[in-house]
Every structure is written in structure tokens, then in C-alpha cells.
PDB file of N, CA and C in Angstrom:
ATOM      1  N   MET A   1      38.047  16.736  17.705  1.00  0.00           N
ATOM      2  CA  MET A   1      39.217  16.840  16.258  1.00  0.00           C
ATOM      3  C   MET A   1      40.576  17.364  17.012  1.00  0.00           C
ATOM      4  N   LEU A   2      41.476  16.695  16.719  1.00  0.00           N
ATOM      5  CA  LEU A   2      43.295  16.360  17.461  1.00  0.00           C
ATOM      6  C   LEU A   2      43.948  16.976  15.384  1.00  0.00           C
ATOM      7  N   GLN A   3      44.615  18.268  15.991  1.00  0.00           N
ATOM      8  CA  GLN A   3      45.492  18.985  14.771  1.00  0.00           C
ATOM      9  C   GLN A   3      46.898  18.632  15.914  1.00  0.00           C
ATOM     10  N   GLY A   4      47.562  18.060  14.517  1.00  0.00           N
ATOM     11  CA  GLY A   4      49.314  18.030  15.036  1.00  0.00           C
ATOM     12  C   GLY A   4      49.921  18.156  13.627  1.00  0.00           C
ATOM     13  N   PRO A   5      51.609  18.113  14.024  1.00  0.00           N
ATOM     14  CA  PRO A   5      52.121  18.595  12.452  1.00  0.00           C
ATOM     15  C   PRO A   5      51.620  17.112  11.490  1.00  0.00           C
ATOM     16  N   GLY A   6      50.882  18.047  10.512  1.00  0.00           N
ATOM     17  CA  GLY A   6      50.523  17.336   8.789  1.00  0.00           C
ATOM     18  C   GLY A   6      49.189  16.480   9.342  1.00  0.00           C
ATOM     19  N   SER A   7      48.219  16.898  10.174  1.00  0.00           N
ATOM     20  CA  SER A   7      47.059  15.903  10.526  1.00  0.00           C
ATOM     21  C   SER A   7      46.156  16.585  11.351  1.00  0.00           C
ATOM     22  N   THR A   8      44.970  16.125  10.620  1.00  0.00           N
ATOM     23  CA  THR A   8      43.680  16.529  11.476  1.00  0.00           C
ATOM     24  C   THR A   8      43.254  15.479  11.827  1.00  0.00           C
ATOM     25  N   SER A   9      42.066  15.042  12.606  1.00  0.00           N
ATOM     26  CA  SER A   9      41.692  13.651  12.539  1.00  0.00           C
ATOM     27  C   SER A   9      40.732  13.531  13.851  1.00  0.00           C
ATOM     28  N   GLU A  10      39.894  12.678  14.347  1.00  0.00           N
ATOM     29  CA  GLU A  10      39.118  12.530  15.450  1.00  0.00           C
ATOM     30  C   GLU A  10      39.861  11.378  16.007  1.00  0.00           C
ATOM     31  N   LEU A  11      38.908  11.621  17.391  1.00  0.00           N
ATOM     32  CA  LEU A  11      39.781  10.017  18.116  1.00  0.00           C
ATOM     33  C   LEU A  11      39.032   8.858  17.617  1.00  0.00           C
ATOM     34  N   ILE A  12      39.340   7.455  17.978  1.00  0.00           N
ATOM     35  CA  ILE A  12      39.117   6.351  17.407  1.00  0.00           C
ATOM     36  C   ILE A  12      38.819   5.840  18.436  1.00  0.00           C
ATOM     37  N   GLU A  13      38.452   4.267  18.384  1.00  0.00           N
ATOM     38  CA  GLU A  13      38.019   3.652  19.966  1.00  0.00           C
ATOM     39  C   GLU A  13      39.273   3.079  19.853  1.00  0.00           C
ATOM     40  N   CYS A  14      39.599   3.160  21.209  1.00  0.00           N
ATOM     41  CA  CYS A  14      41.338   2.305  21.759  1.00  0.00           C
ATOM     42  C   CYS A  14      40.631   1.196  21.945  1.00  0.00           C
ATOM     43  N   SER A  15      41.552  -0.128  21.526  1.00  0.00           N
ATOM     44  CA  SER A  15      41.361  -1.537  22.699  1.00  0.00           C
ATOM     45  C   SER A  15      42.708  -1.533  23.403  1.00  0.00           C
ATOM     46  N   ASP A  16      42.121  -2.442  24.551  1.00  0.00           N
ATOM     47  CA  ASP A  16      43.043  -3.220  26.108  1.00  0.00           C
ATOM     48  C   ASP A  16      44.317  -3.122  25.430  1.00  0.00           C
ATOM     49  N   GLU A  17      44.217  -3.930  24.350  1.00  0.00           N
ATOM     50  CA  GLU A  17      45.533  -4.416  23.830  1.00  0.00           C
ATOM     51  C   GLU A  17      46.394  -3.285  23.596  1.00  0.00           C
ATOM     52  N   LEU A  18      46.198  -2.681  23.387  1.00  0.00           N
ATOM     53  CA  LEU A  18      47.190  -1.179  22.557  1.00  0.00           C
ATOM     54  C   LEU A  18      47.595  -0.720  23.729  1.00  0.00           C
ATOM     55  N   CYS A  19      45.827  -0.237  25.169  1.00  0.00           N
ATOM     56  CA  CYS A  19      46.817   0.249  26.482  1.00  0.00           C
ATOM     57  C   CYS A  19      47.957  -0.229  27.286  1.00  0.00           C
ATOM     58  N   GLY A  20      47.285  -1.499  27.121  1.00  0.00           N
ATOM     59  CA  GLY A  20      49.003  -2.651  28.165  1.00  0.00           C
ATOM     60  C   GLY A  20      50.043  -2.083  27.476  1.00  0.00           C
ATOM     61  N   LYS A  21      50.084  -2.477  26.192  1.00  0.00           N
ATOM     62  CA  LYS A  21      51.674  -2.043  25.379  1.00  0.00           C
ATOM     63  C   LYS A  21      52.035  -0.622  26.052  1.00  0.00           C
ATOM     64  N   VAL A  22      50.898   0.332  25.837  1.00  0.00           N
ATOM     65  CA  VAL A  22      51.399   1.198  26.076  1.00  0.00           C
ATOM     66  C   VAL A  22      51.555   1.847  27.822  1.00  0.00           C
ATOM     67  N   LEU A  23      51.336   0.695  28.529  1.00  0.00           N
ATOM     68  CA  LEU A  23      51.499   1.079  29.806  1.00  0.00           C
ATOM     69  C   LEU A  23      52.997   0.184  29.890  1.00  0.00           C
ATOM     70  N   ASP A  24      53.147  -0.789  29.444  1.00  0.00           N
ATOM     71  CA  ASP A  24      54.460  -1.711  28.993  1.00  0.00           C
ATOM     72  C   ASP A  24      55.652  -1.021  28.864  1.00  0.00           C
ATOM     73  N   ALA A  25      55.521  -0.375  27.279  1.00  0.00           N
ATOM     74  CA  ALA A  25      56.084   0.732  27.227  1.00  0.00           C
ATOM     75  C   ALA A  25      56.831   2.214  28.607  1.00  0.00           C
ATOM     76  N   ALA A  26      55.830   2.316  28.611  1.00  0.00           N
ATOM     77  CA  ALA A  26      56.054   3.585  29.508  1.00  0.00           C
ATOM     78  C   ALA A  26      56.746   2.702  31.105  1.00  0.00           C
ATOM     79  N   THR A  27      56.916   1.780  31.226  1.00  0.00           N
ATOM     80  CA  THR A  27      57.079   0.977  32.537  1.00  0.00           C
ATOM     81  C   THR A  27      58.583   1.002  32.452  1.00  0.00           C
ATOM     82  N   ASP A  28      58.751   0.467  31.153  1.00  0.00           N
ATOM     83  CA  ASP A  28      60.073   0.011  30.914  1.00  0.00           C
ATOM     84  C   ASP A  28      60.380   1.671  30.924  1.00  0.00           C
ATOM     85  N   VAL A  29      60.455   2.695  30.506  1.00  0.00           N
ATOM     86  CA  VAL A  29      60.877   3.965  30.544  1.00  0.00           C
ATOM     87  C   VAL A  29      61.493   4.478  31.504  1.00  0.00           C
ATOM     88  N   HIS A  30      60.441   3.952  32.195  1.00  0.00           N
ATOM     89  CA  HIS A  30      60.840   4.572  34.135  1.00  0.00           C
ATOM     90  C   HIS A  30      61.816   3.699  34.917  1.00  0.00           C
ATOM     91  N   ARG A  31      61.692   2.596  34.384  1.00  0.00           N
ATOM     92  CA  ARG A  31      62.709   1.385  34.498  1.00  0.00           C
ATOM     93  C   ARG A  31      63.987   1.673  34.755  1.00  0.00           C
ATOM     94  N   CYS A  32      63.804   2.220  33.289  1.00  0.00           N
ATOM     95  CA  CYS A  32      65.613   2.718  32.626  1.00  0.00           C
ATOM     96  C   CYS A  32      66.001   4.343  32.943  1.00  0.00           C
ATOM     97  N   LEU A  33      65.242   5.161  32.751  1.00  0.00           N
ATOM     98  CA  LEU A  33      65.188   6.366  33.508  1.00  0.00           C
ATOM     99  C   LEU A  33      65.387   6.584  34.813  1.00  0.00           C
ATOM    100  N   GLY A  34      64.841   6.336  35.139  1.00  0.00           N
ATOM    101  CA  GLY A  34      64.308   6.263  37.111  1.00  0.00           C
ATOM    102  C   GLY A  34      63.309   7.456  37.632  1.00  0.00           C
ATOM    103  N   PRO A  35      63.342   8.133  38.335  1.00  0.00           N
ATOM    104  CA  PRO A  35      62.462   8.886  38.817  1.00  0.00           C
ATOM    105  C   PRO A  35      63.400  10.227  39.154  1.00  0.00           C
ATOM    106  N   GLY A  36      62.393  11.813  38.602  1.00  0.00           N
ATOM    107  CA  GLY A  36      63.493  12.746  39.393  1.00  0.00           C
ATOM    108  C   GLY A  36      63.673  13.666  37.567  1.00  0.00           C
ATOM    109  N   LEU A  37      63.515  13.421  36.246  1.00  0.00           N
ATOM    110  CA  LEU A  37      64.480  13.937  35.216  1.00  0.00           C
ATOM    111  C   LEU A  37      62.938  14.798  35.157  1.00  0.00           C
ATOM    112  N   LEU A  38      63.110  15.721  34.074  1.00  0.00           N
ATOM    113  CA  LEU A  38      61.835  16.090  33.524  1.00  0.00           C
ATOM    114  C   LEU A  38      61.321  15.833  32.626  1.00  0.00           C
ATOM    115  N   GLU A  39      59.452  16.071  32.844  1.00  0.00           N
ATOM    116  CA  GLU A  39      58.711  15.753  32.223  1.00  0.00           C
ATOM    117  C   GLU A  39      58.687  15.177  30.590  1.00  0.00           C
ATOM    118  N   SER A  40      59.495  16.545  29.753  1.00  0.00           N
ATOM    119  CA  SER A  40      59.790  16.419  28.351  1.00  0.00           C
ATOM    120  C   SER A  40      61.024  15.484  28.162  1.00  0.00           C
ATOM    121  N   ASN A  41      62.000  15.199  29.463  1.00  0.00           N
ATOM    122  CA  ASN A  41      62.682  13.410  28.903  1.00  0.00           C
ATOM    123  C   ASN A  41      61.712  12.103  29.057  1.00  0.00           C
ATOM    124  N   TYR A  42      61.122  12.193  29.772  1.00  0.00           N
ATOM    125  CA  TYR A  42      59.844  11.075  29.990  1.00  0.00           C
ATOM    126  C   TYR A  42      59.413  10.761  28.646  1.00  0.00           C
ATOM    127  N   GLU A  43      58.711  12.058  28.376  1.00  0.00           N
ATOM    128  CA  GLU A  43      57.912  11.946  26.935  1.00  0.00           C
ATOM    129  C   GLU A  43      58.979  11.762  25.311  1.00  0.00           C
ATOM    130  N   LYS A  44      59.900  12.578  25.596  1.00  0.00           N
ATOM    131  CA  LYS A  44      60.856  12.108  24.775  1.00  0.00           C
ATOM    132  C   LYS A  44      60.889  10.621  24.382  1.00  0.00           C
ATOM    133  N   ALA A  45      61.700   9.953  25.778  1.00  0.00           N
ATOM    134  CA  ALA A  45      61.767   8.491  25.430  1.00  0.00           C
ATOM    135  C   ALA A  45      60.342   7.618  25.592  1.00  0.00           C
ATOM    136  N   LEU A  46      59.453   8.084  25.925  1.00  0.00           N
ATOM    137  CA  LEU A  46      58.457   7.220  25.613  1.00  0.00           C
ATOM    138  C   LEU A  46      57.631   7.044  23.824  1.00  0.00           C
ATOM    139  N   VAL A  47      58.065   8.255  23.177  1.00  0.00           N
ATOM    140  CA  VAL A  47      58.201   8.022  22.029  1.00  0.00           C
ATOM    141  C   VAL A  47      58.979   7.735  21.015  1.00  0.00           C
ATOM    142  N   ILE A  48      60.036   7.194  21.353  1.00  0.00           N
ATOM    143  CA  ILE A  48      60.972   6.369  21.106  1.00  0.00           C
ATOM    144  C   ILE A  48      60.717   4.813  21.036  1.00  0.00           C
ATOM    145  N   GLU A  49      60.640   4.637  22.859  1.00  0.00           N
ATOM    146  CA  GLU A  49      59.876   3.333  23.026  1.00  0.00           C
ATOM    147  C   GLU A  49      58.685   2.761  21.855  1.00  0.00           C
ATOM    148  N   LEU A  50      57.921   3.676  21.727  1.00  0.00           N
ATOM    149  CA  LEU A  50      56.698   3.454  21.346  1.00  0.00           C
ATOM    150  C   LEU A  50      56.666   3.116  19.982  1.00  0.00           C
ATOM    151  N   ALA A  51      57.806   3.689  19.051  1.00  0.00           N
ATOM    152  CA  ALA A  51      58.441   3.925  18.100  1.00  0.00           C
ATOM    153  C   ALA A  51      58.804   2.705  17.396  1.00  0.00           C
ATOM    154  N   GLU A  52      59.868   2.085  18.412  1.00  0.00           N
ATOM    155  CA  GLU A  52      60.583   0.553  18.745  1.00  0.00           C
ATOM    156  C   GLU A  52      59.648  -0.259  18.507  1.00  0.00           C
ATOM    157  N   ARG A  53      58.682  -0.236  19.287  1.00  0.00           N
ATOM    158  CA  ARG A  53      57.639  -1.095  19.338  1.00  0.00           C
ATOM    159  C   ARG A  53      56.064  -1.282  18.159  1.00  0.00           C
ATOM    160  N   ASN A  54      56.893  -0.008  17.167  1.00  0.00           N
ATOM    161  CA  ASN A  54      55.550   0.016  16.021  1.00  0.00           C
ATOM    162  C   ASN A  54      54.461   0.667  16.377  1.00  0.00           C
ATOM    163  N   ILE A  55      54.630   1.410  17.246  1.00  0.00           N
ATOM    164  CA  ILE A  55      53.209   1.876  17.883  1.00  0.00           C
ATOM    165  C   ILE A  55      52.994   3.692  17.424  1.00  0.00           C
ATOM    166  N   SER A  56      52.647   4.108  16.635  1.00  0.00           N
ATOM    167  CA  SER A  56      52.669   5.642  15.894  1.00  0.00           C
ATOM    168  C   SER A  56      52.376   6.673  17.254  1.00  0.00           C
ATOM    169  N   ALA A  57      52.912   7.680  17.366  1.00  0.00           N
ATOM    170  CA  ALA A  57      52.852   8.432  18.613  1.00  0.00           C
ATOM    171  C   ALA A  57      53.295   9.969  17.987  1.00  0.00           C
ATOM    172  N   ARG A  58      52.325  10.669  18.786  1.00  0.00           N
ATOM    173  CA  ARG A  58      52.777  12.245  18.498  1.00  0.00           C
ATOM    174  C   ARG A  58      52.217  13.338  19.814  1.00  0.00           C
ATOM    175  N   CYS A  59      53.457  14.566  19.479  1.00  0.00           N
ATOM    176  CA  CYS A  59      53.323  14.743  20.844  1.00  0.00           C
ATOM    177  C   CYS A  59      53.066  15.729  20.327  1.00  0.00           C
ATOM    178  N   GLN A  60      52.561  17.099  21.594  1.00  0.00           N
ATOM    179  CA  GLN A  60      52.386  18.062  21.637  1.00  0.00           C
ATOM    180  C   GLN A  60      51.263  18.491  20.548  1.00  0.00           C
ATOM    181  N   VAL A  61      50.477  17.324  20.720  1.00  0.00           N
ATOM    182  CA  VAL A  61      48.963  17.291  19.800  1.00  0.00           C
ATOM    183  C   VAL A  61      47.831  18.884  20.367  1.00  0.00           C
ATOM    184  N   GLU A  62      47.428  19.817  19.653  1.00  0.00           N
ATOM    185  CA  GLU A  62      46.439  20.667  19.988  1.00  0.00           C
ATOM    186  C   GLU A  62      45.341  19.789  19.894  1.00  0.00           C
ATOM    187  N   VAL A  63      44.259  20.366  20.984  1.00  0.00           N
ATOM    188  CA  VAL A  63      43.136  19.453  21.235  1.00  0.00           C
ATOM    189  C   VAL A  63      42.499  21.056  21.664  1.00  0.00           C
ATOM    190  N   PRO A  64      41.736  21.086  20.454  1.00  0.00           N
ATOM    191  CA  PRO A  64      40.905  22.285  20.224  1.00  0.00           C
ATOM    192  C   PRO A  64      38.934  21.756  21.745  1.00  0.00           C
ATOM    193  N   VAL A  65      38.498  22.978  21.973  1.00  0.00           N
ATOM    194  CA  VAL A  65      37.031  22.853  23.181  1.00  0.00           C
ATOM    195  C   VAL A  65      36.356  23.329  22.772  1.00  0.00           C
ATOM    196  N   PHE A  66      35.364  22.416  22.473  1.00  0.00           N
ATOM    197  CA  PHE A  66      34.131  22.995  21.972  1.00  0.00           C
ATOM    198  C   PHE A  66      32.874  23.438  22.715  1.00  0.00           C
ATOM    199  N   TYR A  67      31.728  24.502  23.035  1.00  0.00           N
ATOM    200  CA  TYR A  67      30.587  24.278  23.663  1.00  0.00           C
ATOM    201  C   TYR A  67      29.533  24.714  22.813  1.00  0.00           C
ATOM    202  N   LYS A  68      28.567  24.036  23.062  1.00  0.00           N
ATOM    203  CA  LYS A  68      27.387  23.800  22.068  1.00  0.00           C
ATOM    204  C   LYS A  68      27.480  23.804  20.717  1.00  0.00           C
ATOM    205  N   GLY A  69      28.877  23.557  20.700  1.00  0.00           N
ATOM    206  CA  GLY A  69      28.793  23.116  18.973  1.00  0.00           C
ATOM    207  C   GLY A  69      30.040  24.099  18.416  1.00  0.00           C
ATOM    208  N   VAL A  70      30.367  25.060  19.313  1.00  0.00           N
ATOM    209  CA  VAL A  70      31.232  26.295  18.804  1.00  0.00           C
ATOM    210  C   VAL A  70      32.305  25.735  19.005  1.00  0.00           C
ATOM    211  N   GLU A  71      33.542  26.448  18.698  1.00  0.00           N
ATOM    212  CA  GLU A  71      35.205  25.976  19.125  1.00  0.00           C
ATOM    213  C   GLU A  71      35.434  27.315  19.538  1.00  0.00           C
ATOM    214  N   LEU A  72      36.068  26.867  20.595  1.00  0.00           N
ATOM    215  CA  LEU A  72      35.893  27.525  21.590  1.00  0.00           C
ATOM    216  C   LEU A  72      37.927  28.390  21.496  1.00  0.00           C
ATOM    217  N   GLY A  73      38.017  27.839  20.783  1.00  0.00           N
ATOM    218  CA  GLY A  73      39.839  28.605  20.327  1.00  0.00           C
ATOM    219  C   GLY A  73      40.925  26.892  21.103  1.00  0.00           C
ATOM    220  N   LYS A  74      41.857  27.872  21.170  1.00  0.00           N
ATOM    221  CA  LYS A  74      42.914  26.397  21.727  1.00  0.00           C
ATOM    222  C   LYS A  74      42.414  26.019  23.528  1.00  0.00           C
ATOM    223  N   GLY A  75      42.006  24.662  22.854  1.00  0.00           N
ATOM    224  CA  GLY A  75      41.290  24.019  24.347  1.00  0.00           C
ATOM    225  C   GLY A  75      42.707  23.834  25.294  1.00  0.00           C
ATOM    226  N   TYR A  76      43.587  22.467  24.535  1.00  0.00           N
ATOM    227  CA  TYR A  76      45.329  22.452  25.330  1.00  0.00           C
ATOM    228  C   TYR A  76      45.839  21.100  24.605  1.00  0.00           C
ATOM    229  N   TYR A  77      46.474  21.094  25.010  1.00  0.00           N
ATOM    230  CA  TYR A  77      48.051  20.489  24.401  1.00  0.00           C
ATOM    231  C   TYR A  77      48.133  18.800  24.432  1.00  0.00           C
ATOM    232  N   ALA A  78      47.775  18.180  23.830  1.00  0.00           N
ATOM    233  CA  ALA A  78      47.733  16.844  24.599  1.00  0.00           C
ATOM    234  C   ALA A  78      49.506  16.447  24.512  1.00  0.00           C
ATOM    235  N   ASP A  79      50.090  15.768  25.708  1.00  0.00           N
ATOM    236  CA  ASP A  79      51.737  15.884  25.666  1.00  0.00           C
ATOM    237  C   ASP A  79      51.815  14.665  24.557  1.00  0.00           C
ATOM    238  N   ILE A  80      50.881  13.336  23.888  1.00  0.00           N
ATOM    239  CA  ILE A  80      50.906  12.479  23.557  1.00  0.00           C
ATOM    240  C   ILE A  80      49.890  11.792  22.930  1.00  0.00           C
ATOM    241  N   VAL A  81      49.623  11.614  21.793  1.00  0.00           N
ATOM    242  CA  VAL A  81      48.544  11.108  21.319  1.00  0.00           C
ATOM    243  C   VAL A  81      49.109   9.979  20.691  1.00  0.00           C
ATOM    244  N   VAL A  82      48.881   8.205  21.273  1.00  0.00           N
ATOM    245  CA  VAL A  82      49.065   7.455  20.190  1.00  0.00           C
ATOM    246  C   VAL A  82      47.921   6.623  19.686  1.00  0.00           C
ATOM    247  N   GLU A  83      48.099   6.030  18.713  1.00  0.00           N
ATOM    248  CA  GLU A  83      47.618   5.813  17.358  1.00  0.00           C
ATOM    249  C   GLU A  83      46.115   6.163  17.176  1.00  0.00           C
ATOM    250  N   ASP A  84      46.015   7.687  17.288  1.00  0.00           N
ATOM    251  CA  ASP A  84      44.592   8.806  17.783  1.00  0.00           C
ATOM    252  C   ASP A  84      43.618   8.606  17.809  1.00  0.00           C
ATOM    253  N   CYS A  85      43.743   7.678  19.034  1.00  0.00           N
ATOM    254  CA  CYS A  85      42.870   6.668  20.147  1.00  0.00           C
ATOM    255  C   CYS A  85      43.628   7.406  21.338  1.00  0.00           C
ATOM    256  N   LEU A  86      44.579   7.575  22.002  1.00  0.00           N
ATOM    257  CA  LEU A  86      44.761   6.927  22.950  1.00  0.00           C
ATOM    258  C   LEU A  86      45.252   8.483  23.548  1.00  0.00           C
ATOM    259  N   LEU A  87      45.167   9.584  24.519  1.00  0.00           N
ATOM    260  CA  LEU A  87      45.684  10.804  24.786  1.00  0.00           C
ATOM    261  C   LEU A  87      46.458  10.630  26.218  1.00  0.00           C
ATOM    262  N   LEU A  88      47.819  10.737  26.220  1.00  0.00           N
ATOM    263  CA  LEU A  88      48.524  11.013  27.169  1.00  0.00           C
ATOM    264  C   LEU A  88      49.536  11.918  28.307  1.00  0.00           C
TER     265      LEU A  88
END
């Protein structure tokens, strides 16, 4: 399950086409901004770039951890979740 602002959902299958589009967007962000900035700058820029390409993305999405069916509490936060199928 993924929990973020306003939604709780499970990951679904991700297409190779979507992966390619996200890689293209990330490459464009890196070409524009170059190296050396804080991770948060690239994260925000990538979300903007994805939105311009009509690809939905959420930032800092809580991903719980389970052990033998029991939730262990907060697992970690995915920097970006794209279309509820791709964790970045």
C-alpha cells in the first residue's frame, strides 16, 4: 500500500513505455539543471517536468513495511511515485 496526500493505493503494473517517458523527463531535467544541486531540487523539477508531460506523480509517499502480514509501521518514503506504479 502507498499512502500519500489524499490517497491510499496499491502499486500496479508499470509499462515499458511509461518507464521510457520518465527516463526521458529525468534526462531533460538533468540536462537543464546540470550536476551539483540538492536532491530536493531535482525532485521538484522532475515532478514539474512529468506534469508538463501529463504524467501524474506524488512526492514523499509513505511506503509501509510488512513482515508475515503484519505491518511494522513506517517503512520509508519514496521520493516520487509515478502513476501509482513506479517508485523513484
